[in-house]
Amino acid sequence: MNEIILPHANNTTIPIQDLIHYFQLNKLNYLIIGSNKVTLTNHRKPNSLDVWLRTHPKIVNHKDTCQSVNKVITQIIKHQSFSQGLRKCPKSKRICKALVFCDHLK
């Protein structure tokens, strides 16, 4: 599986490599998932997987629809470069669900 299929964006696909590159470029160990059913402009976690998915260049429509749903998270974790965990949110300072980058450990 080299593509992330977004069921709430007409099954638009995003290469998993785009997400890996984002983590590497920004030197991230994790990214808060930030699933939120609000418009993009009202999203409370701007540095989250949900916002990254919504603002990906392949997403033309559906920017105001939550994209980081369980089906998407499961696909990403199956790639084995990521796992799901709990981490401190940089914005709220609370413990939140996060996508953890495992590739840097290899």
N, C-alpha and C. Protein backbone atom coordinates (compact mmCIF):
# COMPACT_ATOMS: atom_id res chain seq x y z
N MET A 1 0.84 -1.18 0.00
CA MET A 1 0.00 0.00 0.00
C MET A 1 0.88 1.25 0.00
N ASN A 2 0.85 1.96 -1.08
CA ASN A 2 1.66 3.17 -1.20
C ASN A 2 0.81 4.42 -1.25
N GLU A 3 -0.50 4.26 -1.14
CA GLU A 3 -1.42 5.39 -1.23
C GLU A 3 -2.32 5.41 0.00
N ILE A 4 -2.66 6.62 0.43
CA ILE A 4 -3.66 6.81 1.48
C ILE A 4 -4.95 7.17 0.75
N ILE A 5 -5.99 6.39 0.94
CA ILE A 5 -7.28 6.66 0.30
C ILE A 5 -8.15 7.42 1.28
N LEU A 6 -8.63 8.57 0.85
CA LEU A 6 -9.46 9.42 1.72
C LEU A 6 -10.94 9.25 1.35
N PRO A 7 -11.68 8.45 2.13
CA PRO A 7 -13.08 8.18 1.80
C PRO A 7 -13.98 9.40 1.86
N HIS A 8 -13.59 10.42 2.64
CA HIS A 8 -14.42 11.62 2.75
C HIS A 8 -13.96 12.73 1.80
N ALA A 9 -13.16 12.34 0.81
CA ALA A 9 -12.74 13.27 -0.24
C ALA A 9 -12.84 12.56 -1.59
N ASN A 10 -13.99 11.89 -1.77
CA ASN A 10 -14.25 11.15 -3.02
C ASN A 10 -13.16 10.14 -3.34
N ASN A 11 -12.62 9.49 -2.32
CA ASN A 11 -11.56 8.49 -2.47
C ASN A 11 -10.30 9.02 -3.15
N THR A 12 -10.05 10.28 -2.95
CA THR A 12 -8.79 10.87 -3.43
C THR A 12 -7.64 10.11 -2.77
N THR A 13 -6.57 9.90 -3.51
CA THR A 13 -5.41 9.21 -2.94
C THR A 13 -4.23 10.16 -2.79
N ILE A 14 -3.50 9.95 -1.72
CA ILE A 14 -2.28 10.72 -1.44
C ILE A 14 -1.16 9.71 -1.24
N PRO A 15 -0.04 9.90 -1.90
CA PRO A 15 1.08 8.97 -1.70
C PRO A 15 1.56 8.98 -0.24
N ILE A 16 1.74 7.80 0.34
CA ILE A 16 2.25 7.71 1.71
C ILE A 16 3.60 8.40 1.82
N GLN A 17 4.35 8.42 0.73
CA GLN A 17 5.67 9.04 0.72
C GLN A 17 5.57 10.55 1.00
N ASP A 18 4.46 11.17 0.64
CA ASP A 18 4.26 12.60 0.95
C ASP A 18 4.24 12.82 2.46
N LEU A 19 3.58 11.93 3.17
CA LEU A 19 3.50 12.04 4.63
C LEU A 19 4.87 11.77 5.26
N ILE A 20 5.55 10.75 4.77
CA ILE A 20 6.89 10.44 5.27
C ILE A 20 7.82 11.63 5.04
N HIS A 21 7.75 12.20 3.86
CA HIS A 21 8.58 13.36 3.53
C HIS A 21 8.27 14.54 4.46
N TYR A 22 6.99 14.76 4.76
CA TYR A 22 6.59 15.84 5.67
C TYR A 22 7.22 15.65 7.05
N PHE A 23 7.18 14.42 7.56
CA PHE A 23 7.79 14.13 8.86
C PHE A 23 9.30 14.37 8.81
N GLN A 24 9.94 13.90 7.76
CA GLN A 24 11.40 14.05 7.64
C GLN A 24 11.79 15.51 7.47
N LEU A 25 11.11 16.22 6.60
CA LEU A 25 11.40 17.62 6.33
C LEU A 25 11.27 18.48 7.58
N ASN A 26 10.25 18.19 8.38
CA ASN A 26 9.99 18.98 9.58
C ASN A 26 10.60 18.37 10.84
N LYS A 27 11.37 17.29 10.66
CA LYS A 27 12.05 16.61 11.78
C LYS A 27 11.06 16.25 12.90
N LEU A 28 9.94 15.66 12.50
CA LEU A 28 8.89 15.30 13.45
C LEU A 28 9.04 13.85 13.89
N ASN A 29 8.81 13.60 15.15
CA ASN A 29 8.71 12.24 15.69
C ASN A 29 7.26 11.80 15.75
N TYR A 30 6.36 12.78 15.87
CA TYR A 30 4.93 12.48 15.93
C TYR A 30 4.14 13.69 15.45
N LEU A 31 2.87 13.43 15.15
CA LEU A 31 1.96 14.47 14.72
C LEU A 31 0.61 14.16 15.36
N ILE A 32 0.04 15.12 16.04
CA ILE A 32 -1.28 14.93 16.65
C ILE A 32 -2.28 14.64 15.54
N ILE A 33 -3.16 13.67 15.76
CA ILE A 33 -4.14 13.30 14.72
C ILE A 33 -5.14 14.42 14.52
N GLY A 34 -5.71 14.94 15.57
CA GLY A 34 -6.55 16.14 15.49
C GLY A 34 -7.83 16.02 14.71
N SER A 35 -8.45 14.84 14.72
CA SER A 35 -9.74 14.68 14.03
C SER A 35 -10.74 15.69 14.58
N ASN A 36 -11.34 16.45 13.69
CA ASN A 36 -12.22 17.52 14.13
C ASN A 36 -13.26 17.79 13.06
N LYS A 37 -14.53 17.79 13.44
CA LYS A 37 -15.62 18.02 12.49
C LYS A 37 -15.99 19.50 12.46
N VAL A 38 -15.02 20.31 12.10
CA VAL A 38 -15.23 21.76 11.96
C VAL A 38 -14.65 22.18 10.61
N THR A 39 -14.95 23.41 10.21
CA THR A 39 -14.36 23.91 8.98
C THR A 39 -12.85 24.07 9.17
N LEU A 40 -12.14 24.09 8.08
CA LEU A 40 -10.68 24.22 8.15
C LEU A 40 -10.28 25.50 8.88
N THR A 41 -10.94 26.60 8.62
CA THR A 41 -10.58 27.86 9.26
C THR A 41 -10.86 27.86 10.76
N ASN A 42 -11.77 27.00 11.21
CA ASN A 42 -12.08 26.91 12.64
C ASN A 42 -11.38 25.76 13.35
N HIS A 43 -10.48 25.09 12.65
CA HIS A 43 -9.79 23.93 13.24
C HIS A 43 -8.93 24.39 14.40
N ARG A 44 -9.04 23.65 15.53
CA ARG A 44 -8.32 24.05 16.75
C ARG A 44 -6.89 23.49 16.82
N LYS A 45 -6.54 22.61 15.90
CA LYS A 45 -5.19 22.01 15.91
C LYS A 45 -4.56 22.16 14.53
N PRO A 46 -4.02 23.33 14.25
CA PRO A 46 -3.48 23.60 12.91
C PRO A 46 -2.29 22.73 12.52
N ASN A 47 -1.56 22.23 13.50
CA ASN A 47 -0.42 21.36 13.21
C ASN A 47 -0.79 19.92 13.50
N SER A 48 -1.79 19.43 12.77
CA SER A 48 -2.28 18.06 13.00
C SER A 48 -2.35 17.31 11.68
N LEU A 49 -2.48 16.00 11.80
CA LEU A 49 -2.64 15.16 10.61
C LEU A 49 -3.89 15.57 9.85
N ASP A 50 -4.98 15.86 10.57
CA ASP A 50 -6.23 16.24 9.92
C ASP A 50 -6.03 17.47 9.03
N VAL A 51 -5.36 18.48 9.54
CA VAL A 51 -5.12 19.70 8.75
C VAL A 51 -4.15 19.40 7.60
N TRP A 52 -3.13 18.59 7.84
CA TRP A 52 -2.20 18.24 6.76
C TRP A 52 -2.95 17.56 5.62
N LEU A 53 -3.83 16.61 5.96
CA LEU A 53 -4.60 15.93 4.92
C LEU A 53 -5.52 16.90 4.18
N ARG A 54 -6.20 17.76 4.91
CA ARG A 54 -7.15 18.70 4.30
C ARG A 54 -6.45 19.70 3.38
N THR A 55 -5.21 20.03 3.69
CA THR A 55 -4.51 21.07 2.91
C THR A 55 -3.55 20.47 1.88
N HIS A 56 -3.53 19.16 1.75
CA HIS A 56 -2.67 18.53 0.75
C HIS A 56 -3.10 19.03 -0.63
N PRO A 57 -2.14 19.27 -1.53
CA PRO A 57 -2.47 19.81 -2.86
C PRO A 57 -3.46 18.97 -3.66
N LYS A 58 -3.56 17.67 -3.39
CA LYS A 58 -4.49 16.82 -4.13
C LYS A 58 -5.94 16.99 -3.66
N ILE A 59 -6.13 17.64 -2.51
CA ILE A 59 -7.48 17.87 -1.99
C ILE A 59 -7.96 19.22 -2.49
N VAL A 60 -8.81 19.16 -3.50
CA VAL A 60 -9.33 20.41 -4.08
C VAL A 60 -10.61 20.81 -3.36
N ASN A 61 -11.48 19.85 -3.18
CA ASN A 61 -12.73 20.06 -2.44
C ASN A 61 -12.60 19.35 -1.10
N HIS A 62 -13.55 19.46 -0.27
CA HIS A 62 -13.62 18.73 1.00
C HIS A 62 -12.61 19.22 2.03
N LYS A 63 -12.14 20.44 1.92
CA LYS A 63 -11.20 20.98 2.91
C LYS A 63 -11.89 21.22 4.26
N ASP A 64 -13.21 21.32 4.23
CA ASP A 64 -13.96 21.55 5.47
C ASP A 64 -14.54 20.25 6.04
N THR A 65 -14.05 19.12 5.56
CA THR A 65 -14.51 17.81 6.02
C THR A 65 -13.37 17.10 6.74
N CYS A 66 -13.67 16.54 7.90
CA CYS A 66 -12.66 15.79 8.66
C CYS A 66 -12.13 14.66 7.79
N GLN A 67 -10.81 14.57 7.67
CA GLN A 67 -10.17 13.54 6.83
C GLN A 67 -9.44 12.48 7.65
N SER A 68 -9.10 12.78 8.88
CA SER A 68 -8.31 11.83 9.68
C SER A 68 -9.22 10.87 10.44
N VAL A 69 -10.06 10.17 9.70
CA VAL A 69 -10.99 9.21 10.29
C VAL A 69 -10.26 7.88 10.53
N ASN A 70 -10.89 7.00 11.32
CA ASN A 70 -10.25 5.73 11.69
C ASN A 70 -9.78 4.91 10.48
N LYS A 71 -10.58 4.89 9.43
CA LYS A 71 -10.22 4.13 8.22
C LYS A 71 -8.90 4.63 7.63
N VAL A 72 -8.68 5.92 7.67
CA VAL A 72 -7.45 6.53 7.14
C VAL A 72 -6.27 6.22 8.07
N ILE A 73 -6.48 6.35 9.37
CA ILE A 73 -5.42 6.05 10.34
C ILE A 73 -4.96 4.60 10.19
N THR A 74 -5.93 3.69 10.06
CA THR A 74 -5.61 2.27 9.89
C THR A 74 -4.75 2.04 8.65
N GLN A 75 -5.09 2.70 7.56
CA GLN A 75 -4.29 2.57 6.33
C GLN A 75 -2.85 3.04 6.55
N ILE A 76 -2.71 4.16 7.21
CA ILE A 76 -1.37 4.74 7.43
C ILE A 76 -0.54 3.81 8.31
N ILE A 77 -1.14 3.27 9.36
CA ILE A 77 -0.41 2.38 10.28
C ILE A 77 -0.02 1.07 9.60
N LYS A 78 -0.85 0.59 8.68
CA LYS A 78 -0.52 -0.63 7.94
C LYS A 78 0.76 -0.48 7.13
N HIS A 79 1.12 0.75 6.82
CA HIS A 79 2.35 0.98 6.05
C HIS A 79 3.60 0.63 6.86
N GLN A 80 3.49 0.61 8.16
CA GLN A 80 4.54 0.22 9.10
C GLN A 80 5.64 1.27 9.29
N SER A 81 5.47 2.44 8.74
CA SER A 81 6.39 3.54 9.07
C SER A 81 5.82 4.36 10.22
N PHE A 82 4.58 4.04 10.60
CA PHE A 82 3.88 4.80 11.62
C PHE A 82 3.17 3.87 12.60
N SER A 83 2.96 4.37 13.80
CA SER A 83 2.12 3.69 14.78
C SER A 83 1.24 4.76 15.42
N GLN A 84 0.27 4.33 16.20
CA GLN A 84 -0.58 5.28 16.91
C GLN A 84 -0.21 5.25 18.37
N GLY A 85 -0.16 6.43 18.98
CA GLY A 85 0.18 6.52 20.38
C GLY A 85 -0.46 7.74 21.01
N LEU A 86 -0.07 8.03 22.21
CA LEU A 86 -0.53 9.22 22.92
C LEU A 86 0.67 10.14 23.13
N ARG A 87 0.51 11.40 22.79
CA ARG A 87 1.59 12.36 22.93
C ARG A 87 1.02 13.71 23.36
N LYS A 88 1.88 14.56 23.87
CA LYS A 88 1.47 15.89 24.31
C LYS A 88 1.24 16.80 23.10
N CYS A 89 0.07 17.37 23.04
CA CYS A 89 -0.27 18.29 21.95
C CYS A 89 0.48 19.61 22.14
N PRO A 90 1.21 20.06 21.14
CA PRO A 90 1.94 21.32 21.27
C PRO A 90 1.01 22.53 21.46
N LYS A 91 -0.21 22.43 20.94
CA LYS A 91 -1.15 23.56 21.03
C LYS A 91 -1.90 23.57 22.36
N SER A 92 -2.55 22.45 22.73
CA SER A 92 -3.38 22.42 23.93
C SER A 92 -2.62 21.99 25.19
N LYS A 93 -1.44 21.38 24.99
CA LYS A 93 -0.62 20.83 26.07
C LYS A 93 -1.27 19.62 26.74
N ARG A 94 -2.33 19.09 26.14
CA ARG A 94 -2.99 17.90 26.65
C ARG A 94 -2.44 16.66 25.96
N ILE A 95 -2.67 15.51 26.57
CA ILE A 95 -2.29 14.24 25.95
C ILE A 95 -3.37 13.89 24.92
N CYS A 96 -2.95 13.67 23.68
CA CYS A 96 -3.87 13.41 22.58
C CYS A 96 -3.39 12.23 21.75
N LYS A 97 -4.29 11.69 20.95
CA LYS A 97 -3.91 10.64 20.01
C LYS A 97 -2.96 11.22 18.97
N ALA A 98 -1.92 10.45 18.66
CA ALA A 98 -0.91 10.94 17.72
C ALA A 98 -0.49 9.85 16.75
N LEU A 99 -0.03 10.28 15.60
CA LEU A 99 0.60 9.41 14.64
C LEU A 99 2.09 9.50 14.91
N VAL A 100 2.70 8.37 15.25
CA VAL A 100 4.10 8.34 15.66
C VAL A 100 4.94 7.79 14.49
N PHE A 101 5.99 8.51 14.15
CA PHE A 101 6.86 8.13 13.03
C PHE A 101 7.87 7.09 13.53
N CYS A 102 7.83 5.92 12.97
CA CYS A 102 8.72 4.83 13.38
C CYS A 102 9.91 4.68 12.43
N ASP A 103 9.82 5.25 11.25
CA ASP A 103 10.83 5.05 10.22
C ASP A 103 12.21 5.53 10.66
N HIS A 104 12.24 6.57 11.48
CA HIS A 104 13.54 7.12 11.90
C HIS A 104 14.27 6.17 12.87
N LEU A 105 13.58 5.14 13.37
CA LEU A 105 14.18 4.19 14.29
C LEU A 105 14.91 3.06 13.57
N LYS A 106 14.65 2.93 12.28
CA LYS A 106 15.23 1.82 11.50
C LYS A 106 16.66 2.10 11.13
